[in-house]
N, C-alpha and C. Protein backbone atom coordinates (compact mmCIF):
# COMPACT_ATOMS: atom_id res chain seq x y z
N UNK A 1 112.39 83.08 113.64
CA UNK A 1 113.55 83.80 113.18
C UNK A 1 113.10 84.90 112.21
N UNK A 2 113.54 86.08 112.46
CA UNK A 2 113.24 87.18 111.54
C UNK A 2 114.35 87.25 110.51
N UNK A 3 113.94 87.34 109.26
CA UNK A 3 114.90 87.41 108.16
C UNK A 3 114.33 88.27 107.05
N UNK A 4 115.19 88.71 106.12
CA UNK A 4 114.69 89.49 104.98
C UNK A 4 113.75 88.65 104.11
N UNK A 5 112.80 89.32 103.52
CA UNK A 5 111.86 88.73 102.58
C UNK A 5 112.59 88.15 101.38
N UNK A 6 112.12 87.00 100.91
CA UNK A 6 112.62 86.38 99.68
C UNK A 6 111.45 86.24 98.71
N UNK A 7 111.72 86.14 97.41
CA UNK A 7 110.62 86.01 96.45
C UNK A 7 109.66 84.86 96.75
N UNK A 8 110.15 83.75 97.29
CA UNK A 8 109.26 82.63 97.57
C UNK A 8 108.37 82.87 98.80
N UNK A 9 108.56 84.00 99.47
CA UNK A 9 107.69 84.37 100.59
C UNK A 9 106.42 85.08 100.13
N UNK A 10 106.34 85.43 98.85
CA UNK A 10 105.25 86.28 98.38
C UNK A 10 103.87 85.69 98.68
N UNK A 11 103.63 84.47 98.30
CA UNK A 11 102.29 83.90 98.49
C UNK A 11 101.93 83.76 99.97
N UNK A 12 102.84 83.25 100.84
CA UNK A 12 102.48 83.22 102.26
C UNK A 12 102.22 84.62 102.84
N UNK A 13 103.00 85.61 102.43
CA UNK A 13 102.81 86.97 102.93
C UNK A 13 101.45 87.50 102.49
N UNK A 14 101.09 87.27 101.24
CA UNK A 14 99.78 87.72 100.76
C UNK A 14 98.64 87.03 101.51
N UNK A 15 98.79 85.74 101.77
CA UNK A 15 97.75 85.01 102.50
C UNK A 15 97.61 85.54 103.92
N UNK A 16 98.74 85.83 104.57
CA UNK A 16 98.70 86.40 105.92
C UNK A 16 98.04 87.77 105.88
N UNK A 17 98.45 88.60 104.92
CA UNK A 17 97.88 89.94 104.82
C UNK A 17 96.36 89.88 104.68
N UNK A 18 95.86 89.03 103.79
CA UNK A 18 94.43 88.97 103.55
C UNK A 18 93.68 88.45 104.78
N UNK A 19 94.13 87.34 105.34
CA UNK A 19 93.44 86.76 106.50
C UNK A 19 93.47 87.70 107.70
N UNK A 20 94.63 88.29 107.96
CA UNK A 20 94.74 89.18 109.12
C UNK A 20 93.99 90.49 108.90
N UNK A 21 93.97 90.99 107.67
CA UNK A 21 93.22 92.21 107.38
C UNK A 21 91.73 92.01 107.61
N UNK A 22 91.21 90.90 107.13
CA UNK A 22 89.78 90.61 107.32
C UNK A 22 89.46 90.47 108.80
N UNK A 23 90.33 89.79 109.54
CA UNK A 23 90.08 89.58 110.97
C UNK A 23 90.17 90.88 111.76
N UNK A 24 91.17 91.70 111.49
CA UNK A 24 91.39 92.91 112.27
C UNK A 24 90.42 94.04 111.92
N UNK A 25 89.86 93.97 110.74
CA UNK A 25 89.02 95.07 110.25
C UNK A 25 87.62 94.56 109.95
N UNK A 26 86.95 94.03 110.95
CA UNK A 26 85.62 93.47 110.73
C UNK A 26 84.58 94.54 110.41
N UNK A 27 84.96 95.79 110.50
CA UNK A 27 84.07 96.90 110.17
C UNK A 27 84.17 97.28 108.69
N UNK A 28 85.00 96.56 107.94
CA UNK A 28 85.14 96.77 106.49
C UNK A 28 84.83 95.44 105.81
N UNK A 29 84.06 95.47 104.74
CA UNK A 29 83.66 94.24 104.05
C UNK A 29 84.88 93.45 103.57
N UNK A 30 84.89 92.13 103.78
CA UNK A 30 86.01 91.30 103.31
C UNK A 30 86.30 91.47 101.82
N UNK A 31 85.27 91.74 101.03
CA UNK A 31 85.47 91.92 99.59
C UNK A 31 86.40 93.09 99.28
N UNK A 32 86.41 94.11 100.14
CA UNK A 32 87.32 95.23 99.94
C UNK A 32 88.75 94.74 99.98
N UNK A 33 89.09 93.94 101.00
CA UNK A 33 90.46 93.45 101.14
C UNK A 33 90.83 92.53 99.99
N UNK A 34 89.91 91.66 99.60
CA UNK A 34 90.19 90.77 98.47
C UNK A 34 90.44 91.56 97.20
N UNK A 35 89.75 92.68 97.04
CA UNK A 35 89.94 93.51 95.83
C UNK A 35 91.29 94.20 95.80
N UNK A 36 91.98 94.27 96.94
CA UNK A 36 93.29 94.93 97.03
C UNK A 36 94.46 93.95 96.93
N UNK A 37 94.18 92.67 96.77
CA UNK A 37 95.24 91.66 96.75
C UNK A 37 96.22 91.87 95.61
N UNK A 38 95.73 92.15 94.41
CA UNK A 38 96.63 92.38 93.28
C UNK A 38 97.51 93.61 93.50
N UNK A 39 96.94 94.67 94.08
CA UNK A 39 97.75 95.86 94.37
C UNK A 39 98.85 95.54 95.38
N UNK A 40 98.52 94.73 96.38
CA UNK A 40 99.56 94.32 97.34
C UNK A 40 100.68 93.58 96.61
N UNK A 41 100.31 92.65 95.76
CA UNK A 41 101.29 91.82 95.05
C UNK A 41 102.13 92.66 94.07
N UNK A 42 101.48 93.52 93.32
CA UNK A 42 102.14 94.18 92.19
C UNK A 42 102.70 95.56 92.49
N UNK A 43 102.17 96.24 93.50
CA UNK A 43 102.57 97.63 93.76
C UNK A 43 103.20 97.79 95.14
N UNK A 44 102.44 97.47 96.19
CA UNK A 44 102.87 97.81 97.54
C UNK A 44 104.04 96.98 98.05
N UNK A 45 103.96 95.66 97.94
CA UNK A 45 105.07 94.85 98.45
C UNK A 45 106.36 95.07 97.67
N UNK A 46 106.33 95.17 96.34
CA UNK A 46 107.60 95.42 95.63
C UNK A 46 108.26 96.75 96.00
N UNK A 47 107.49 97.71 96.48
CA UNK A 47 108.04 99.02 96.84
C UNK A 47 108.61 99.06 98.25
N UNK A 48 108.43 97.98 99.01
CA UNK A 48 108.77 97.99 100.44
C UNK A 48 110.02 97.18 100.76
N UNK A 49 110.61 97.51 101.89
CA UNK A 49 111.66 96.71 102.51
C UNK A 49 110.93 95.83 103.52
N UNK A 50 111.05 94.51 103.37
CA UNK A 50 110.21 93.58 104.12
C UNK A 50 111.06 92.57 104.89
N UNK A 51 110.62 92.27 106.10
CA UNK A 51 111.18 91.16 106.88
C UNK A 51 110.03 90.24 107.23
N UNK A 52 110.34 88.95 107.32
CA UNK A 52 109.34 87.96 107.71
C UNK A 52 109.79 87.27 108.99
N UNK A 53 108.82 86.77 109.72
CA UNK A 53 109.10 85.91 110.88
C UNK A 53 108.78 84.49 110.43
N UNK A 54 109.81 83.67 110.38
CA UNK A 54 109.65 82.28 109.94
C UNK A 54 109.96 81.36 111.12
N UNK A 55 109.07 80.41 111.34
CA UNK A 55 109.25 79.44 112.42
C UNK A 55 108.95 78.06 111.88
N UNK A 56 109.91 77.15 112.06
CA UNK A 56 109.79 75.77 111.57
C UNK A 56 109.39 75.74 110.10
N UNK A 57 110.03 76.61 109.32
CA UNK A 57 109.81 76.63 107.88
C UNK A 57 108.55 77.32 107.41
N UNK A 58 107.80 77.91 108.32
CA UNK A 58 106.54 78.57 107.96
C UNK A 58 106.61 80.06 108.26
N UNK A 59 106.26 80.88 107.27
CA UNK A 59 106.18 82.32 107.48
C UNK A 59 104.91 82.61 108.27
N UNK A 60 105.07 83.27 109.42
CA UNK A 60 103.94 83.54 110.31
C UNK A 60 103.61 85.02 110.43
N UNK A 61 104.47 85.88 109.90
CA UNK A 61 104.20 87.31 109.97
C UNK A 61 105.20 88.07 109.14
N UNK A 62 104.89 89.36 108.93
CA UNK A 62 105.81 90.21 108.17
C UNK A 62 105.63 91.66 108.57
N UNK A 63 106.69 92.43 108.32
CA UNK A 63 106.65 93.87 108.49
C UNK A 63 107.22 94.48 107.22
N UNK A 64 106.59 95.54 106.72
CA UNK A 64 107.01 96.20 105.49
C UNK A 64 107.20 97.69 105.75
N UNK A 65 108.37 98.20 105.36
CA UNK A 65 108.68 99.62 105.51
C UNK A 65 108.85 100.25 104.14
N UNK A 66 108.33 101.45 104.00
CA UNK A 66 108.57 102.28 102.82
C UNK A 66 109.13 103.59 103.37
N UNK A 67 110.44 103.73 103.27
CA UNK A 67 111.09 104.86 103.93
C UNK A 67 110.88 104.73 105.42
N UNK A 68 110.39 105.80 106.05
CA UNK A 68 110.13 105.78 107.49
C UNK A 68 108.68 105.41 107.81
N UNK A 69 107.95 104.94 106.83
CA UNK A 69 106.56 104.56 107.04
C UNK A 69 106.48 103.06 107.29
N UNK A 70 105.89 102.70 108.42
CA UNK A 70 105.59 101.31 108.69
C UNK A 70 104.30 101.03 107.91
N UNK A 71 104.48 100.53 106.69
CA UNK A 71 103.37 100.39 105.76
C UNK A 71 102.48 99.20 106.08
N UNK A 72 103.06 98.16 106.67
CA UNK A 72 102.28 96.96 107.00
C UNK A 72 103.00 96.16 108.06
N UNK A 73 102.23 95.62 108.97
CA UNK A 73 102.72 94.63 109.93
C UNK A 73 101.54 93.71 110.21
N UNK A 74 101.70 92.45 109.85
CA UNK A 74 100.62 91.48 109.98
C UNK A 74 101.17 90.15 110.46
N UNK A 75 100.38 89.48 111.28
CA UNK A 75 100.71 88.16 111.80
C UNK A 75 99.55 87.24 111.46
N UNK A 76 99.87 86.02 111.06
CA UNK A 76 98.82 85.04 110.77
C UNK A 76 97.88 84.94 111.96
N UNK A 77 96.57 84.94 111.73
CA UNK A 77 95.62 84.89 112.84
C UNK A 77 95.90 83.75 113.82
N UNK A 78 96.32 82.60 113.32
CA UNK A 78 96.59 81.46 114.20
C UNK A 78 97.81 81.66 115.09
N UNK A 79 98.65 82.63 114.76
CA UNK A 79 99.89 82.87 115.51
C UNK A 79 99.86 84.17 116.31
N UNK A 80 98.74 84.88 116.29
CA UNK A 80 98.66 86.16 117.00
C UNK A 80 98.70 85.95 118.50
N UNK A 81 99.29 86.91 119.20
CA UNK A 81 99.37 86.86 120.64
C UNK A 81 100.59 86.14 121.17
N UNK A 82 101.48 85.72 120.28
CA UNK A 82 102.65 84.97 120.70
C UNK A 82 103.96 85.74 120.62
N UNK A 83 103.88 87.04 120.41
CA UNK A 83 105.09 87.86 120.39
C UNK A 83 105.69 88.11 119.02
N UNK A 84 105.10 87.55 117.98
CA UNK A 84 105.64 87.75 116.63
C UNK A 84 105.53 89.21 116.21
N UNK A 85 104.38 89.82 116.43
CA UNK A 85 104.20 91.22 116.07
C UNK A 85 105.19 92.12 116.80
N UNK A 86 105.41 91.85 118.07
CA UNK A 86 106.38 92.64 118.84
C UNK A 86 107.78 92.47 118.29
N UNK A 87 108.15 91.24 117.94
CA UNK A 87 109.48 91.01 117.37
C UNK A 87 109.64 91.74 116.04
N UNK A 88 108.59 91.74 115.23
CA UNK A 88 108.66 92.41 113.93
C UNK A 88 108.76 93.92 114.09
N UNK A 89 108.01 94.49 115.01
CA UNK A 89 108.08 95.94 115.19
C UNK A 89 109.44 96.35 115.76
N UNK A 90 110.00 95.51 116.61
CA UNK A 90 111.34 95.80 117.13
C UNK A 90 112.37 95.73 116.01
N UNK A 91 112.20 94.81 115.07
CA UNK A 91 113.09 94.75 113.90
C UNK A 91 113.03 96.06 113.13
N UNK A 92 111.83 96.55 112.89
CA UNK A 92 111.68 97.82 112.17
C UNK A 92 112.36 98.96 112.92
N UNK A 93 112.26 98.95 114.24
CA UNK A 93 112.85 100.02 115.04
C UNK A 93 114.38 99.97 115.04
N UNK A 94 114.96 98.81 114.74
CA UNK A 94 116.43 98.73 114.69
C UNK A 94 117.00 99.37 113.43
N UNK A 95 116.19 99.53 112.40
CA UNK A 95 116.71 100.05 111.13
C UNK A 95 116.23 101.46 110.81
N UNK A 96 115.46 102.06 111.71
CA UNK A 96 114.97 103.42 111.50
C UNK A 96 115.10 104.22 112.80
N UNK A 97 115.29 105.53 112.66
CA UNK A 97 115.29 106.43 113.81
C UNK A 97 113.87 106.89 114.14
N UNK A 98 113.00 106.86 113.14
CA UNK A 98 111.62 107.32 113.29
C UNK A 98 110.74 106.42 112.42
N UNK A 99 109.55 106.14 112.91
CA UNK A 99 108.56 105.38 112.15
C UNK A 99 107.22 106.09 112.25
N UNK A 100 106.49 106.08 111.15
CA UNK A 100 105.14 106.62 111.11
C UNK A 100 104.22 105.55 110.55
N UNK A 101 102.95 105.61 110.91
CA UNK A 101 101.97 104.65 110.40
C UNK A 101 100.59 105.25 110.50
N UNK A 102 99.65 104.61 109.85
CA UNK A 102 98.24 104.92 110.05
C UNK A 102 97.54 103.63 110.45
N UNK A 103 96.53 103.77 111.29
CA UNK A 103 95.76 102.63 111.78
C UNK A 103 94.32 103.09 111.95
N UNK A 104 93.39 102.21 111.59
CA UNK A 104 91.98 102.57 111.76
C UNK A 104 91.68 102.79 113.24
N UNK A 105 90.97 103.86 113.53
CA UNK A 105 90.59 104.17 114.92
C UNK A 105 89.80 103.02 115.55
N UNK A 106 88.99 102.35 114.76
CA UNK A 106 88.15 101.26 115.27
C UNK A 106 88.95 99.99 115.57
N UNK A 107 90.19 99.93 115.15
CA UNK A 107 91.04 98.76 115.40
C UNK A 107 91.74 98.95 116.75
N UNK A 108 90.95 98.84 117.81
CA UNK A 108 91.45 99.15 119.16
C UNK A 108 92.64 98.29 119.56
N UNK A 109 92.65 97.02 119.18
CA UNK A 109 93.76 96.14 119.56
C UNK A 109 95.06 96.62 118.95
N UNK A 110 95.02 97.04 117.68
CA UNK A 110 96.25 97.52 117.04
C UNK A 110 96.69 98.87 117.59
N UNK A 111 95.74 99.75 117.86
CA UNK A 111 96.10 101.04 118.46
C UNK A 111 96.80 100.81 119.79
N UNK A 112 96.27 99.91 120.61
CA UNK A 112 96.90 99.60 121.90
C UNK A 112 98.28 98.98 121.71
N UNK A 113 98.41 98.10 120.72
CA UNK A 113 99.70 97.47 120.41
C UNK A 113 100.75 98.53 120.08
N UNK A 114 100.39 99.46 119.21
CA UNK A 114 101.34 100.50 118.82
C UNK A 114 101.69 101.40 120.01
N UNK A 115 100.72 101.72 120.83
CA UNK A 115 101.01 102.53 122.03
C UNK A 115 101.99 101.81 122.95
N UNK A 116 101.80 100.50 123.13
CA UNK A 116 102.72 99.72 123.97
C UNK A 116 104.15 99.75 123.43
N UNK A 117 104.27 99.94 122.14
CA UNK A 117 105.59 99.97 121.50
C UNK A 117 106.10 101.39 121.28
N UNK A 118 105.52 102.35 121.99
CA UNK A 118 106.06 103.69 122.02
C UNK A 118 105.53 104.64 120.96
N UNK A 119 104.53 104.25 120.22
CA UNK A 119 103.94 105.14 119.21
C UNK A 119 102.93 106.07 119.88
N UNK A 120 102.85 107.29 119.37
CA UNK A 120 101.89 108.28 119.87
C UNK A 120 101.08 108.82 118.70
N UNK A 121 99.84 109.17 118.98
CA UNK A 121 98.97 109.74 117.95
C UNK A 121 99.45 111.14 117.61
N UNK A 122 99.60 111.42 116.31
CA UNK A 122 100.00 112.76 115.89
C UNK A 122 98.89 113.48 115.13
N UNK A 123 97.93 112.72 114.58
CA UNK A 123 96.79 113.36 113.92
C UNK A 123 95.70 112.32 113.67
N UNK A 124 94.54 112.83 113.28
CA UNK A 124 93.41 111.98 112.91
C UNK A 124 92.94 112.41 111.53
N UNK A 125 92.46 111.44 110.77
CA UNK A 125 92.02 111.72 109.39
C UNK A 125 91.05 110.63 108.95
N UNK A 126 90.52 110.76 107.75
CA UNK A 126 89.69 109.73 107.15
C UNK A 126 90.50 109.00 106.10
N UNK A 127 90.42 107.67 106.10
CA UNK A 127 91.08 106.89 105.07
C UNK A 127 90.41 107.20 103.74
N UNK A 128 91.17 107.61 102.73
CA UNK A 128 90.56 107.98 101.46
C UNK A 128 89.94 106.80 100.70
N UNK A 129 90.36 105.58 101.01
CA UNK A 129 89.85 104.40 100.31
C UNK A 129 88.56 103.87 100.91
N UNK A 130 88.41 103.99 102.24
CA UNK A 130 87.25 103.40 102.91
C UNK A 130 86.34 104.43 103.56
N UNK A 131 86.86 105.63 103.80
CA UNK A 131 86.08 106.65 104.51
C UNK A 131 86.05 106.47 106.02
N UNK A 132 86.75 105.45 106.53
CA UNK A 132 86.78 105.20 107.98
C UNK A 132 87.82 106.09 108.65
N UNK A 133 87.55 106.53 109.88
CA UNK A 133 88.54 107.33 110.62
C UNK A 133 89.80 106.52 110.91
N UNK A 134 90.93 107.19 110.81
CA UNK A 134 92.19 106.54 111.14
C UNK A 134 93.07 107.51 111.92
N UNK A 135 94.00 106.94 112.64
CA UNK A 135 94.98 107.70 113.41
C UNK A 135 96.32 107.63 112.71
N UNK A 136 97.01 108.75 112.66
CA UNK A 136 98.41 108.76 112.25
C UNK A 136 99.21 108.70 113.55
N UNK A 137 100.15 107.76 113.61
CA UNK A 137 100.95 107.58 114.81
C UNK A 137 102.42 107.61 114.44
N UNK A 138 103.27 107.96 115.40
CA UNK A 138 104.71 108.02 115.14
C UNK A 138 105.48 107.55 116.35
N UNK A 139 106.66 107.02 116.07
CA UNK A 139 107.63 106.62 117.09
C UNK A 139 108.95 107.27 116.71
N UNK A 140 109.66 107.74 117.72
CA UNK A 140 110.97 108.38 117.52
C UNK A 140 111.94 107.76 118.50
N UNK A 141 113.12 107.35 118.00
CA UNK A 141 114.16 106.83 118.90
C UNK A 141 114.59 107.94 119.84
N UNK A 142 114.77 107.62 121.11
CA UNK A 142 115.21 108.61 122.11
C UNK A 142 116.65 109.00 121.91
């Protein structure tokens, strides 16, 4: 069930973010992601509109929007491939006419996921935090 984020979701959301970030971005040292945990807790998540996917009382994924930016979408590694990410991205698309995001070019699975959901590449750039190439992608409601 997708529902709005509640304060008691914070720790599960952070755990999902860290585990999924490390798994999806094996080209970046895990210590980098761990060093960003406090920023996620104190800066990024409080600034976002967030929905979680909860099943049998367990949060298994989340999507975070900041304006029209899809700032984060992560699914617990143990639950990936079961449609949770698709459900979360569809939730985001119901509340926005346009969505933009950035994704590391080397994260081929995520790039393909976004393409399947109607996103197109609009530009390429380097991530200022890691120096890795990333794609800016956008989706627009027809």
